[in-house]
Amino acid sequence: MAVKCGLRSFVVRSRVNGRLGGSAFYSSQLLPTPTTSPEAVTRSKRASPKEKQRREPVPPRTEKMEVDQNWCNVYPTAAAFKPSVVPLPIRMGYPVKRGVPPAKIGNLELIKIPNFLHLTPPAIKQHCTALKEFCTEWPAMLVSDEKCKHHFPIEIKTTDYVAAGPSVRNSNARVVTMTVRLSSLNLDDHAKKKFIKLVGNRYNKDTDILTITTDRCPLRRQNYDYAMYLLTVLYHESWKTEAWELDKTEADMDEYIWENSQSEKNALDTIFRMKKAEKLPASKEDIISSPEVHNYKLSVENIKNEGETENNILQYKESVKKLLKLQIAA
């Protein structure tokens, strides 16, 4: 059995590894046969995924434009420069080696700067025609700036920016500034003082102007609505009187008020006694409306609110002399 197996392996090795003229010897000759199956032919003709993704470049829009093209449809709003859309041989940039400036295709200098391609004369005329139906005649009563401020006390200020860059947007354009004179609002003495306390440093006492600036919202319209909301809330809150406000005394007041104060009572009591000694008729309304009492009132308020300055003390001295009818020593 072992002899038969060894003989078979020897015959196989001699067929495969036997050498005849420097070439291998096979039991059957190996010839290349071409693969002409239909499946192989169809596979070779199929396009690869990369070839499928390749597309021929689309010709620029300028080559498709007609002579009577409506330019308002091409550039309806402000946008960056598009070389494939503008049918003009525009060049811009630093010329290299004394040549011509770079062309418009791939030119970043043309993209960075702002353009006014959307503001052509036909476009402006079209916008004016569309807005004409919303225009009304100017009111005949508003003939001066004073009357305009009287009837329209609220002023809104916004800013539009023109920047050099690929974007026409600017985040600072959303900021809305509202100004209004406090005297134009319907406020009494209590509401006015509370309103000033609520707004803080947004109120300018010298010009009597309140300034509210809103920039929290991403859109200008939202900031405008928010500014109007703040003004409405401040107005209604200033008219409210809390329970603790009724317990305030004269020492708790932020501003000294001469009416119904102890100084007014003392001054009226002194004048009544002087009139009684002189046997002259006198009423409270006549005494309060007299110039001597009015000057005394102003001098006392200045000392209490502004402090004891040299000018205020001299004014107080003169008002007391006139009130008590004291003779000035020569």
C-alpha atoms as a PDB file:
ATOM      1  CA  MET A   1       0.000   0.000   0.000  1.00  0.00           C
ATOM      2  CA  ALA A   2       2.807   2.414   0.873  1.00  0.00           C
ATOM      3  CA  VAL A   3       4.569   1.504  -2.389  1.00  0.00           C
ATOM      4  CA  LYS A   4       1.479   2.383  -4.472  1.00  0.00           C
ATOM      5  CA  CYS A   5       1.014   5.789  -2.786  1.00  0.00           C
ATOM      6  CA  GLY A   6       4.665   6.686  -3.257  1.00  0.00           C
ATOM      7  CA  LEU A   7       4.523   5.715  -6.920  1.00  0.00           C
ATOM      8  CA  ARG A   8       1.453   7.899  -7.558  1.00  0.00           C
ATOM      9  CA  SER A   9       3.022  10.954  -5.906  1.00  0.00           C
ATOM     10  CA  PHE A  10       6.163  10.461  -7.949  1.00  0.00           C
ATOM     11  CA  VAL A  11       4.183  10.399 -11.208  1.00  0.00           C
ATOM     12  CA  VAL A  12       2.344  13.619 -10.272  1.00  0.00           C
ATOM     13  CA  ARG A  13       5.535  15.420  -9.307  1.00  0.00           C
ATOM     14  CA  SER A  14       7.224  14.335 -12.494  1.00  0.00           C
ATOM     15  CA  ARG A  15       4.368  15.751 -14.567  1.00  0.00           C
ATOM     16  CA  VAL A  16       4.324  19.100 -12.790  1.00  0.00           C
ATOM     17  CA  ASN A  17       7.925  19.730 -11.884  1.00  0.00           C
ATOM     18  CA  GLY A  18       9.622  17.837 -14.642  1.00  0.00           C
ATOM     19  CA  ARG A  19      11.734  20.014 -16.877  1.00  0.00           C
ATOM     20  CA  LEU A  20      11.912  19.658 -20.594  1.00  0.00           C
ATOM     21  CA  GLY A  21      13.900  22.277 -22.415  1.00  0.00           C
ATOM     22  CA  GLY A  22      13.728  24.728 -19.472  1.00  0.00           C
ATOM     23  CA  SER A  23       9.865  24.743 -19.377  1.00  0.00           C
ATOM     24  CA  ALA A  24       7.378  23.058 -17.103  1.00  0.00           C
ATOM     25  CA  PHE A  25       5.725  19.897 -18.336  1.00  0.00           C
ATOM     26  CA  TYR A  26       1.949  19.593 -17.907  1.00  0.00           C
ATOM     27  CA  SER A  27      -0.344  16.779 -18.648  1.00  0.00           C
ATOM     28  CA  SER A  28      -2.456  19.110 -20.790  1.00  0.00           C
ATOM     29  CA  GLN A  29      -1.322  22.289 -22.561  1.00  0.00           C
ATOM     30  CA  LEU A  30      -2.433  25.610 -20.940  1.00  0.00           C
ATOM     31  CA  LEU A  31      -3.669  28.136 -23.495  1.00  0.00           C
ATOM     32  CA  PRO A  32      -5.191  31.598 -22.754  1.00  0.00           C
ATOM     33  CA  THR A  33      -8.855  31.611 -23.597  1.00  0.00           C
ATOM     34  CA  PRO A  34     -10.532  35.003 -24.036  1.00  0.00           C
ATOM     35  CA  THR A  35     -13.582  35.657 -21.832  1.00  0.00           C
ATOM     36  CA  THR A  36     -16.284  36.590 -24.257  1.00  0.00           C
ATOM     37  CA  SER A  37     -19.257  36.064 -21.956  1.00  0.00           C
ATOM     38  CA  PRO A  38     -22.072  38.662 -22.280  1.00  0.00           C
ATOM     39  CA  GLU A  39     -21.933  39.455 -18.556  1.00  0.00           C
ATOM     40  CA  ALA A  40     -18.285  40.528 -18.760  1.00  0.00           C
ATOM     41  CA  VAL A  41     -19.016  42.803 -21.720  1.00  0.00           C
ATOM     42  CA  THR A  42     -21.826  44.651 -19.955  1.00  0.00           C
ATOM     43  CA  ARG A  43     -19.766  45.119 -16.793  1.00  0.00           C
ATOM     44  CA  SER A  44     -16.898  46.731 -18.677  1.00  0.00           C
ATOM     45  CA  LYS A  45     -19.234  49.267 -20.318  1.00  0.00           C
ATOM     46  CA  ARG A  46     -20.800  50.433 -17.017  1.00  0.00           C
ATOM     47  CA  ALA A  47     -19.664  53.858 -15.696  1.00  0.00           C
ATOM     48  CA  SER A  48     -17.994  54.111 -12.299  1.00  0.00           C
ATOM     49  CA  PRO A  49     -19.629  56.174  -9.499  1.00  0.00           C
ATOM     50  CA  LYS A  50     -17.009  58.919  -9.898  1.00  0.00           C
ATOM     51  CA  GLU A  51     -17.808  59.212 -13.591  1.00  0.00           C
ATOM     52  CA  LYS A  52     -21.501  59.500 -12.772  1.00  0.00           C
ATOM     53  CA  GLN A  53     -20.869  62.445 -10.406  1.00  0.00           C
ATOM     54  CA  ARG A  54     -18.955  64.399 -13.005  1.00  0.00           C
ATOM     55  CA  ARG A  55     -21.011  67.041 -14.737  1.00  0.00           C
ATOM     56  CA  GLU A  56     -20.060  69.402 -17.445  1.00  0.00           C
ATOM     57  CA  PRO A  57     -19.823  73.041 -16.251  1.00  0.00           C
ATOM     58  CA  VAL A  58     -22.945  75.051 -16.929  1.00  0.00           C
ATOM     59  CA  PRO A  59     -22.350  78.075 -19.158  1.00  0.00           C
ATOM     60  CA  PRO A  60     -22.623  81.424 -17.347  1.00  0.00           C
ATOM     61  CA  ARG A  61     -25.913  83.238 -17.254  1.00  0.00           C
ATOM     62  CA  THR A  62     -24.488  86.115 -19.251  1.00  0.00           C
ATOM     63  CA  GLU A  63     -24.376  83.924 -22.371  1.00  0.00           C
ATOM     64  CA  LYS A  64     -28.070  83.105 -22.044  1.00  0.00           C
ATOM     65  CA  MET A  65     -29.255  86.648 -21.398  1.00  0.00           C
ATOM     66  CA  GLU A  66     -31.287  88.431 -23.984  1.00  0.00           C
ATOM     67  CA  VAL A  67     -30.663  91.993 -25.045  1.00  0.00           C
ATOM     68  CA  ASP A  68     -33.931  93.209 -23.494  1.00  0.00           C
ATOM     69  CA  GLN A  69     -33.400  91.317 -20.211  1.00  0.00           C
ATOM     70  CA  ASN A  70     -35.272  92.796 -17.218  1.00  0.00           C
ATOM     71  CA  TRP A  71     -32.395  93.712 -14.916  1.00  0.00           C
ATOM     72  CA  CYS A  72     -34.709  94.031 -11.894  1.00  0.00           C
ATOM     73  CA  ASN A  73     -35.216  90.260 -12.032  1.00  0.00           C
ATOM     74  CA  VAL A  74     -31.461  89.652 -12.113  1.00  0.00           C
ATOM     75  CA  TYR A  75     -30.577  91.898  -9.151  1.00  0.00           C
ATOM     76  CA  PRO A  76     -33.833  92.472  -7.231  1.00  0.00           C
ATOM     77  CA  THR A  77     -32.117  93.320  -3.916  1.00  0.00           C
ATOM     78  CA  ALA A  78     -28.684  94.168  -2.576  1.00  0.00           C
ATOM     79  CA  ALA A  79     -26.287  91.257  -3.104  1.00  0.00           C
ATOM     80  CA  ALA A  80     -22.600  90.570  -3.579  1.00  0.00           C
ATOM     81  CA  PHE A  81     -21.021  90.758  -7.018  1.00  0.00           C
ATOM     82  CA  LYS A  82     -21.645  87.685  -9.193  1.00  0.00           C
ATOM     83  CA  PRO A  83     -19.304  87.410 -12.188  1.00  0.00           C
ATOM     84  CA  SER A  84     -21.507  84.884 -13.987  1.00  0.00           C
ATOM     85  CA  VAL A  85     -24.487  87.245 -13.889  1.00  0.00           C
ATOM     86  CA  VAL A  86     -23.084  90.684 -14.700  1.00  0.00           C
ATOM     87  CA  PRO A  87     -22.574  90.966 -18.491  1.00  0.00           C
ATOM     88  CA  LEU A  88     -19.857  93.612 -18.222  1.00  0.00           C
ATOM     89  CA  PRO A  89     -16.096  93.207 -18.768  1.00  0.00           C
ATOM     90  CA  ILE A  90     -15.256  94.566 -15.326  1.00  0.00           C
ATOM     91  CA  ARG A  91     -11.684  94.381 -14.091  1.00  0.00           C
ATOM     92  CA  MET A  92     -10.322  95.296 -10.686  1.00  0.00           C
ATOM     93  CA  GLY A  93      -7.154  94.683  -8.735  1.00  0.00           C
ATOM     94  CA  TYR A  94      -3.450  95.328  -8.832  1.00  0.00           C
ATOM     95  CA  PRO A  95      -1.986  94.754 -12.302  1.00  0.00           C
ATOM     96  CA  VAL A  96       0.826  92.190 -12.293  1.00  0.00           C
ATOM     97  CA  LYS A  97       3.964  92.988 -14.318  1.00  0.00           C
ATOM     98  CA  ARG A  98       2.468  96.153 -15.803  1.00  0.00           C
ATOM     99  CA  GLY A  99      -0.409  94.211 -17.249  1.00  0.00           C
ATOM    100  CA  VAL A 100      -4.130  94.723 -17.007  1.00  0.00           C
ATOM    101  CA  PRO A 101      -6.061  94.262 -13.758  1.00  0.00           C
ATOM    102  CA  PRO A 102      -7.515  90.786 -13.100  1.00  0.00           C
ATOM    103  CA  ALA A 103     -10.768  89.843 -14.775  1.00  0.00           C
ATOM    104  CA  LYS A 104     -14.073  89.531 -12.946  1.00  0.00           C
ATOM    105  CA  ILE A 105     -14.094  85.713 -12.679  1.00  0.00           C
ATOM    106  CA  GLY A 106     -12.598  84.659  -9.363  1.00  0.00           C
ATOM    107  CA  ASN A 107     -11.860  88.267  -8.417  1.00  0.00           C
ATOM    108  CA  LEU A 108     -12.247  88.706  -4.655  1.00  0.00           C
ATOM    109  CA  GLU A 109     -11.800  92.461  -4.857  1.00  0.00           C
ATOM    110  CA  LEU A 110     -15.106  92.779  -6.692  1.00  0.00           C
ATOM    111  CA  ILE A 111     -16.868  90.583  -4.152  1.00  0.00           C
ATOM    112  CA  LYS A 112     -15.601  92.466  -1.107  1.00  0.00           C
ATOM    113  CA  ILE A 113     -16.722  95.947  -2.081  1.00  0.00           C
ATOM    114  CA  PRO A 114     -20.397  97.020  -1.982  1.00  0.00           C
ATOM    115  CA  ASN A 115     -22.208  97.488  -5.258  1.00  0.00           C
ATOM    116  CA  PHE A 116     -25.349  99.279  -6.364  1.00  0.00           C
ATOM    117  CA  LEU A 117     -26.357  96.978  -9.201  1.00  0.00           C
ATOM    118  CA  HIS A 118     -29.850  96.715  -7.701  1.00  0.00           C
ATOM    119  CA  LEU A 119     -30.363 100.504  -7.769  1.00  0.00           C
ATOM    120  CA  THR A 120     -30.532 101.133 -11.475  1.00  0.00           C
ATOM    121  CA  PRO A 121     -32.804 103.963 -12.718  1.00  0.00           C
ATOM    122  CA  PRO A 122     -35.513 101.541 -13.951  1.00  0.00           C
ATOM    123  CA  ALA A 123     -35.458  99.737 -10.594  1.00  0.00           C
ATOM    124  CA  ILE A 124     -35.810 102.984  -8.646  1.00  0.00           C
ATOM    125  CA  LYS A 125     -38.664 104.067 -10.897  1.00  0.00           C
ATOM    126  CA  GLN A 126     -40.379 100.717 -10.387  1.00  0.00           C
ATOM    127  CA  HIS A 127     -40.064 101.006  -6.594  1.00  0.00           C
ATOM    128  CA  CYS A 128     -41.416 104.551  -6.611  1.00  0.00           C
ATOM    129  CA  THR A 129     -44.386 103.477  -8.710  1.00  0.00           C
ATOM    130  CA  ALA A 130     -45.166 100.644  -6.293  1.00  0.00           C
ATOM    131  CA  LEU A 131     -44.935 102.939  -3.246  1.00  0.00           C
ATOM    132  CA  LYS A 132     -46.910 105.780  -4.778  1.00  0.00           C
ATOM    133  CA  GLU A 133     -50.285 104.283  -3.881  1.00  0.00           C
ATOM    134  CA  PHE A 134     -49.300 104.223  -0.193  1.00  0.00           C
ATOM    135  CA  CYS A 135     -48.291 107.903  -0.119  1.00  0.00           C
ATOM    136  CA  THR A 136     -50.665 110.525   1.254  1.00  0.00           C
ATOM    137  CA  GLU A 137     -50.604 114.293   1.247  1.00  0.00           C
ATOM    138  CA  TRP A 138     -48.571 116.047   3.906  1.00  0.00           C
ATOM    139  CA  PRO A 139     -50.843 117.400   6.690  1.00  0.00           C
ATOM    140  CA  ALA A 140     -51.421 121.112   6.288  1.00  0.00           C
ATOM    141  CA  MET A 141     -51.149 121.749  10.040  1.00  0.00           C
ATOM    142  CA  LEU A 142     -47.604 120.411  10.297  1.00  0.00           C
ATOM    143  CA  VAL A 143     -45.856 123.489   8.970  1.00  0.00           C
ATOM    144  CA  SER A 144     -42.980 123.618  11.480  1.00  0.00           C
ATOM    145  CA  ASP A 145     -40.751 121.275  13.444  1.00  0.00           C
ATOM    146  CA  GLU A 146     -42.303 122.389  16.728  1.00  0.00           C
ATOM    147  CA  LYS A 147     -45.756 121.260  15.624  1.00  0.00           C
ATOM    148  CA  CYS A 148     -44.353 117.962  14.373  1.00  0.00           C
ATOM    149  CA  LYS A 149     -42.719 117.311  17.745  1.00  0.00           C
ATOM    150  CA  HIS A 150     -45.931 118.321  19.511  1.00  0.00           C
ATOM    151  CA  HIS A 151     -48.141 115.895  17.578  1.00  0.00           C
ATOM    152  CA  PHE A 152     -45.485 113.173  17.178  1.00  0.00           C
ATOM    153  CA  PRO A 153     -43.341 113.297  20.323  1.00  0.00           C
ATOM    154  CA  ILE A 154     -41.768 109.851  19.866  1.00  0.00           C
ATOM    155  CA  GLU A 155     -38.706 109.713  17.594  1.00  0.00           C
ATOM    156  CA  ILE A 156     -37.205 106.454  16.308  1.00  0.00           C
ATOM    157  CA  LYS A 157     -33.608 106.315  15.063  1.00  0.00           C
ATOM    158  CA  THR A 158     -32.057 103.411  13.142  1.00  0.00           C
ATOM    159  CA  THR A 159     -28.854 103.072  11.123  1.00  0.00           C
ATOM    160  CA  ASP A 160     -28.166 101.259   7.850  1.00  0.00           C
ATOM    161  CA  TYR A 161     -24.585 100.221   7.126  1.00  0.00           C
ATOM    162  CA  VAL A 162     -22.653  99.788   3.885  1.00  0.00           C
ATOM    163  CA  ALA A 163     -19.632  97.564   4.487  1.00  0.00           C
ATOM    164  CA  ALA A 164     -16.904  96.062   2.299  1.00  0.00           C
ATOM    165  CA  GLY A 165     -17.432  92.320   2.415  1.00  0.00           C
ATOM    166  CA  PRO A 166     -19.283  89.394   0.885  1.00  0.00           C
ATOM    167  CA  SER A 167     -22.312  89.941   3.165  1.00  0.00           C
ATOM    168  CA  VAL A 168     -24.705  92.883   2.995  1.00  0.00           C
ATOM    169  CA  ARG A 169     -25.907  92.291   6.570  1.00  0.00           C
ATOM    170  CA  ASN A 170     -24.658  94.131   9.648  1.00  0.00           C
ATOM    171  CA  SER A 171     -25.608  93.128  13.176  1.00  0.00           C
ATOM    172  CA  ASN A 172     -25.614  96.752  14.367  1.00  0.00           C
ATOM    173  CA  ALA A 173     -28.447  97.603  11.972  1.00  0.00           C
ATOM    174  CA  ARG A 174     -30.916  95.929  14.335  1.00  0.00           C
ATOM    175  CA  VAL A 175     -30.345  98.542  17.090  1.00  0.00           C
ATOM    176  CA  VAL A 176     -33.310 100.884  17.669  1.00  0.00           C
ATOM    177  CA  THR A 177     -33.037 104.147  19.643  1.00  0.00           C
ATOM    178  CA  MET A 178     -36.250 105.792  20.846  1.00  0.00           C
ATOM    179  CA  THR A 179     -36.351 109.324  22.284  1.00  0.00           C
ATOM    180  CA  VAL A 180     -39.327 111.125  23.816  1.00  0.00           C
ATOM    181  CA  ARG A 181     -39.785 114.257  25.899  1.00  0.00           C
ATOM    182  CA  LEU A 182     -41.138 113.499  29.340  1.00  0.00           C
ATOM    183  CA  SER A 183     -43.238 116.659  29.277  1.00  0.00           C
ATOM    184  CA  SER A 184     -45.206 115.281  26.318  1.00  0.00           C
ATOM    185  CA  LEU A 185     -46.477 112.359  28.414  1.00  0.00           C
ATOM    186  CA  ASN A 186     -49.606 112.721  30.514  1.00  0.00           C
ATOM    187  CA  LEU A 187     -48.024 112.409  33.973  1.00  0.00           C
ATOM    188  CA  ASP A 188     -48.801 114.071  37.278  1.00  0.00           C
ATOM    189  CA  ASP A 189     -46.154 114.969  39.858  1.00  0.00           C
ATOM    190  CA  HIS A 190     -46.145 111.547  41.522  1.00  0.00           C
ATOM    191  CA  ALA A 191     -46.119 109.631  38.236  1.00  0.00           C
ATOM    192  CA  LYS A 192     -43.344 111.797  36.796  1.00  0.00           C
ATOM    193  CA  LYS A 193     -41.051 111.271  39.785  1.00  0.00           C
ATOM    194  CA  LYS A 194     -41.708 107.547  39.806  1.00  0.00           C
ATOM    195  CA  PHE A 195     -41.131 107.374  36.049  1.00  0.00           C
ATOM    196  CA  ILE A 196     -37.738 109.076  36.461  1.00  0.00           C
ATOM    197  CA  LYS A 197     -36.828 106.635  39.229  1.00  0.00           C
ATOM    198  CA  LEU A 198     -37.711 103.643  37.052  1.00  0.00           C
ATOM    199  CA  VAL A 199     -35.729 104.730  33.975  1.00  0.00           C
ATOM    200  CA  GLY A 200     -32.602 105.743  35.921  1.00  0.00           C
ATOM    201  CA  ASN A 201     -29.808 107.338  33.873  1.00  0.00           C
ATOM    202  CA  ARG A 202     -31.786 107.021  30.623  1.00  0.00           C
ATOM    203  CA  TYR A 203     -33.482 110.322  31.433  1.00  0.00           C
ATOM    204  CA  ASN A 204     -31.641 113.603  30.854  1.00  0.00           C
ATOM    205  CA  LYS A 205     -32.910 116.199  33.290  1.00  0.00           C
ATOM    206  CA  ASP A 206     -31.361 119.138  31.420  1.00  0.00           C
ATOM    207  CA  THR A 207     -33.043 118.373  28.089  1.00  0.00           C
ATOM    208  CA  ASP A 208     -36.103 116.538  29.506  1.00  0.00           C
ATOM    209  CA  ILE A 209     -35.497 113.691  27.020  1.00  0.00           C
ATOM    210  CA  LEU A 210     -35.863 109.974  27.716  1.00  0.00           C
ATOM    211  CA  THR A 211     -33.677 107.673  25.583  1.00  0.00           C
ATOM    212  CA  ILE A 212     -34.384 103.939  25.280  1.00  0.00           C
ATOM    213  CA  THR A 213     -32.000 101.779  23.222  1.00  0.00           C
ATOM    214  CA  THR A 214     -32.953  98.184  22.390  1.00  0.00           C
ATOM    215  CA  ASP A 215     -30.631  95.620  20.806  1.00  0.00           C
ATOM    216  CA  ARG A 216     -31.626  92.306  22.385  1.00  0.00           C
ATOM    217  CA  CYS A 217     -33.637  90.925  19.478  1.00  0.00           C
ATOM    218  CA  PRO A 218     -32.110  89.765  16.169  1.00  0.00           C
ATOM    219  CA  LEU A 219     -34.449  91.849  13.980  1.00  0.00           C
ATOM    220  CA  ARG A 220     -35.013  95.600  13.864  1.00  0.00           C
ATOM    221  CA  ARG A 221     -38.790  95.226  13.936  1.00  0.00           C
ATOM    222  CA  GLN A 222     -38.578  93.135  17.105  1.00  0.00           C
ATOM    223  CA  ASN A 223     -36.413  95.751  18.823  1.00  0.00           C
ATOM    224  CA  TYR A 224     -38.888  98.469  17.803  1.00  0.00           C
ATOM    225  CA  ASP A 225     -41.790  96.521  19.306  1.00  0.00           C
ATOM    226  CA  TYR A 226     -39.745  95.888  22.452  1.00  0.00           C
ATOM    227  CA  ALA A 227     -38.971  99.618  22.851  1.00  0.00           C
ATOM    228  CA  MET A 228     -42.664 100.513  22.533  1.00  0.00           C
ATOM    229  CA  TYR A 229     -43.495  97.780  25.043  1.00  0.00           C
ATOM    230  CA  LEU A 230     -40.986  99.205  27.555  1.00  0.00           C
ATOM    231  CA  LEU A 231     -42.429 102.711  27.204  1.00  0.00           C
ATOM    232  CA  THR A 232     -45.962 101.401  27.723  1.00  0.00           C
ATOM    233  CA  VAL A 233     -44.993  99.411  30.821  1.00  0.00           C
ATOM    234  CA  LEU A 234     -43.090 102.349  32.334  1.00  0.00           C
ATOM    235  CA  TYR A 235     -46.037 104.682  31.762  1.00  0.00           C
ATOM    236  CA  HIS A 236     -48.590 102.416  33.452  1.00  0.00           C
ATOM    237  CA  GLU A 237     -46.269 101.455  36.321  1.00  0.00           C
ATOM    238  CA  SER A 238     -45.568 105.101  37.120  1.00  0.00           C
ATOM    239  CA  TRP A 239     -49.287 105.750  37.678  1.00  0.00           C
ATOM    240  CA  LYS A 240     -49.543 102.980  40.275  1.00  0.00           C
ATOM    241  CA  THR A 241     -49.354 103.986  43.941  1.00  0.00           C
ATOM    242  CA  GLU A 242     -48.116 101.263  46.253  1.00  0.00           C
ATOM    243  CA  ALA A 243     -49.153 100.966  49.894  1.00  0.00           C
ATOM    244  CA  TRP A 244     -45.683 101.786  51.196  1.00  0.00           C
ATOM    245  CA  GLU A 245     -45.661 105.074  49.254  1.00  0.00           C
ATOM    246  CA  LEU A 246     -48.472 106.420  51.424  1.00  0.00           C
ATOM    247  CA  ASP A 247     -46.327 105.987  54.552  1.00  0.00           C
ATOM    248  CA  LYS A 248     -43.526 108.261  53.314  1.00  0.00           C
ATOM    249  CA  THR A 249     -42.764 111.291  55.454  1.00  0.00           C
ATOM    250  CA  GLU A 250     -41.144 114.613  54.571  1.00  0.00           C
ATOM    251  CA  ALA A 251     -37.727 113.237  55.551  1.00  0.00           C
ATOM    252  CA  ASP A 252     -38.143 110.304  53.127  1.00  0.00           C
ATOM    253  CA  MET A 253     -38.821 112.497  50.100  1.00  0.00           C
ATOM    254  CA  ASP A 254     -36.228 112.486  47.350  1.00  0.00           C
ATOM    255  CA  GLU A 255     -37.041 116.112  46.510  1.00  0.00           C
ATOM    256  CA  TYR A 256     -38.162 118.814  48.883  1.00  0.00           C
ATOM    257  CA  ILE A 257     -41.640 120.189  48.140  1.00  0.00           C
ATOM    258  CA  TRP A 258     -42.656 123.429  49.768  1.00  0.00           C
ATOM    259  CA  GLU A 259     -46.398 122.919  49.377  1.00  0.00           C
ATOM    260  CA  ASN A 260     -48.010 121.523  52.564  1.00  0.00           C
ATOM    261  CA  SER A 261     -44.643 121.568  54.339  1.00  0.00           C
ATOM    262  CA  GLN A 262     -43.818 122.912  57.786  1.00  0.00           C
ATOM    263  CA  SER A 263     -41.995 125.858  56.223  1.00  0.00           C
ATOM    264  CA  GLU A 264     -45.139 126.911  54.371  1.00  0.00           C
ATOM    265  CA  LYS A 265     -47.226 126.658  57.537  1.00  0.00           C
ATOM    266  CA  ASN A 266     -44.758 128.791  59.507  1.00  0.00           C
ATOM    267  CA  ALA A 267     -44.575 131.431  56.770  1.00  0.00           C
ATOM    268  CA  LEU A 268     -48.363 131.685  56.459  1.00  0.00           C
ATOM    269  CA  ASP A 269     -48.795 131.838  60.242  1.00  0.00           C
ATOM    270  CA  THR A 270     -46.266 134.687  60.487  1.00  0.00           C
ATOM    271  CA  ILE A 271     -47.897 136.683  57.682  1.00  0.00           C
ATOM    272  CA  PHE A 272     -51.372 136.194  59.165  1.00  0.00           C
ATOM    273  CA  ARG A 273     -50.200 137.606  62.495  1.00  0.00           C
ATOM    274  CA  MET A 274     -48.563 140.565  60.744  1.00  0.00           C
ATOM    275  CA  LYS A 275     -51.776 141.293  58.830  1.00  0.00           C
ATOM    276  CA  LYS A 276     -53.805 140.964  62.010  1.00  0.00           C
ATOM    277  CA  ALA A 277     -51.550 143.412  63.843  1.00  0.00           C
ATOM    278  CA  GLU A 278     -51.901 145.890  60.989  1.00  0.00           C
ATOM    279  CA  LYS A 279     -55.654 145.215  60.881  1.00  0.00           C
ATOM    280  CA  LEU A 280     -55.553 144.380  57.189  1.00  0.00           C
ATOM    281  CA  PRO A 281     -57.750 141.756  55.514  1.00  0.00           C
ATOM    282  CA  ALA A 282     -55.873 138.752  54.168  1.00  0.00           C
ATOM    283  CA  SER A 283     -56.752 135.399  52.598  1.00  0.00           C
ATOM    284  CA  LYS A 284     -54.587 132.339  52.098  1.00  0.00           C
ATOM    285  CA  GLU A 285     -54.834 132.449  48.287  1.00  0.00           C
ATOM    286  CA  ASP A 286     -53.730 136.089  48.144  1.00  0.00           C
ATOM    287  CA  ILE A 287     -50.772 135.473  50.424  1.00  0.00           C
ATOM    288  CA  ILE A 288     -49.548 132.405  48.502  1.00  0.00           C
ATOM    289  CA  SER A 289     -49.819 134.194  45.146  1.00  0.00           C
ATOM    290  CA  SER A 290     -47.854 137.239  46.353  1.00  0.00           C
ATOM    291  CA  PRO A 291     -44.323 137.692  44.893  1.00  0.00           C
ATOM    292  CA  GLU A 292     -42.713 137.828  48.373  1.00  0.00           C
ATOM    293  CA  VAL A 293     -44.007 134.373  49.284  1.00  0.00           C
ATOM    294  CA  HIS A 294     -43.134 132.994  45.842  1.00  0.00           C
ATOM    295  CA  ASN A 295     -39.511 134.166  46.151  1.00  0.00           C
ATOM    296  CA  TYR A 296     -39.298 132.741  49.659  1.00  0.00           C
ATOM    297  CA  LYS A 297     -40.615 129.407  48.386  1.00  0.00           C
ATOM    298  CA  LEU A 298     -37.993 129.216  45.611  1.00  0.00           C
ATOM    299  CA  SER A 299     -35.144 130.084  47.974  1.00  0.00           C
ATOM    300  CA  VAL A 300     -36.154 127.397  50.469  1.00  0.00           C
ATOM    301  CA  GLU A 301     -36.472 124.742  47.732  1.00  0.00           C
ATOM    302  CA  ASN A 302     -33.040 125.640  46.328  1.00  0.00           C
ATOM    303  CA  ILE A 303     -31.376 125.296  49.731  1.00  0.00           C
ATOM    304  CA  LYS A 304     -33.080 121.966  50.456  1.00  0.00           C
ATOM    305  CA  ASN A 305     -32.517 120.405  47.021  1.00  0.00           C
ATOM    306  CA  GLU A 306     -29.242 121.964  45.814  1.00  0.00           C
ATOM    307  CA  GLY A 307     -27.482 122.580  49.128  1.00  0.00           C
ATOM    308  CA  GLU A 308     -26.316 125.612  51.073  1.00  0.00           C
ATOM    309  CA  THR A 309     -24.288 127.387  48.435  1.00  0.00           C
ATOM    310  CA  GLU A 310     -23.309 131.049  48.709  1.00  0.00           C
ATOM    311  CA  ASN A 311     -25.767 132.100  46.031  1.00  0.00           C
ATOM    312  CA  ASN A 312     -28.650 130.162  47.600  1.00  0.00           C
ATOM    313  CA  ILE A 313     -27.966 131.633  51.047  1.00  0.00           C
ATOM    314  CA  LEU A 314     -27.917 135.183  49.694  1.00  0.00           C
ATOM    315  CA  GLN A 315     -31.154 134.524  47.816  1.00  0.00           C
ATOM    316  CA  TYR A 316     -32.732 133.155  51.001  1.00  0.00           C
ATOM    317  CA  LYS A 317     -31.567 136.212  52.965  1.00  0.00           C
ATOM    318  CA  GLU A 318     -33.121 138.662  50.527  1.00  0.00           C
ATOM    319  CA  SER A 319     -36.394 136.735  50.335  1.00  0.00           C
ATOM    320  CA  VAL A 320     -36.739 136.712  54.142  1.00  0.00           C
ATOM    321  CA  LYS A 321     -36.154 140.472  54.323  1.00  0.00           C
ATOM    322  CA  LYS A 322     -38.826 141.120  51.708  1.00  0.00           C
ATOM    323  CA  LEU A 323     -41.223 138.683  53.354  1.00  0.00           C
ATOM    324  CA  LEU A 324     -40.887 140.278  56.813  1.00  0.00           C
ATOM    325  CA  LYS A 325     -40.533 143.820  55.385  1.00  0.00           C
ATOM    326  CA  LEU A 326     -37.277 144.475  57.154  1.00  0.00           C
ATOM    327  CA  GLN A 327     -35.421 147.702  56.424  1.00  0.00           C
ATOM    328  CA  ILE A 328     -31.906 147.331  55.069  1.00  0.00           C
ATOM    329  CA  ALA A 329     -29.427 149.227  57.207  1.00  0.00           C
ATOM    330  CA  ALA A 330     -27.586 151.944  55.389  1.00  0.00           C
END
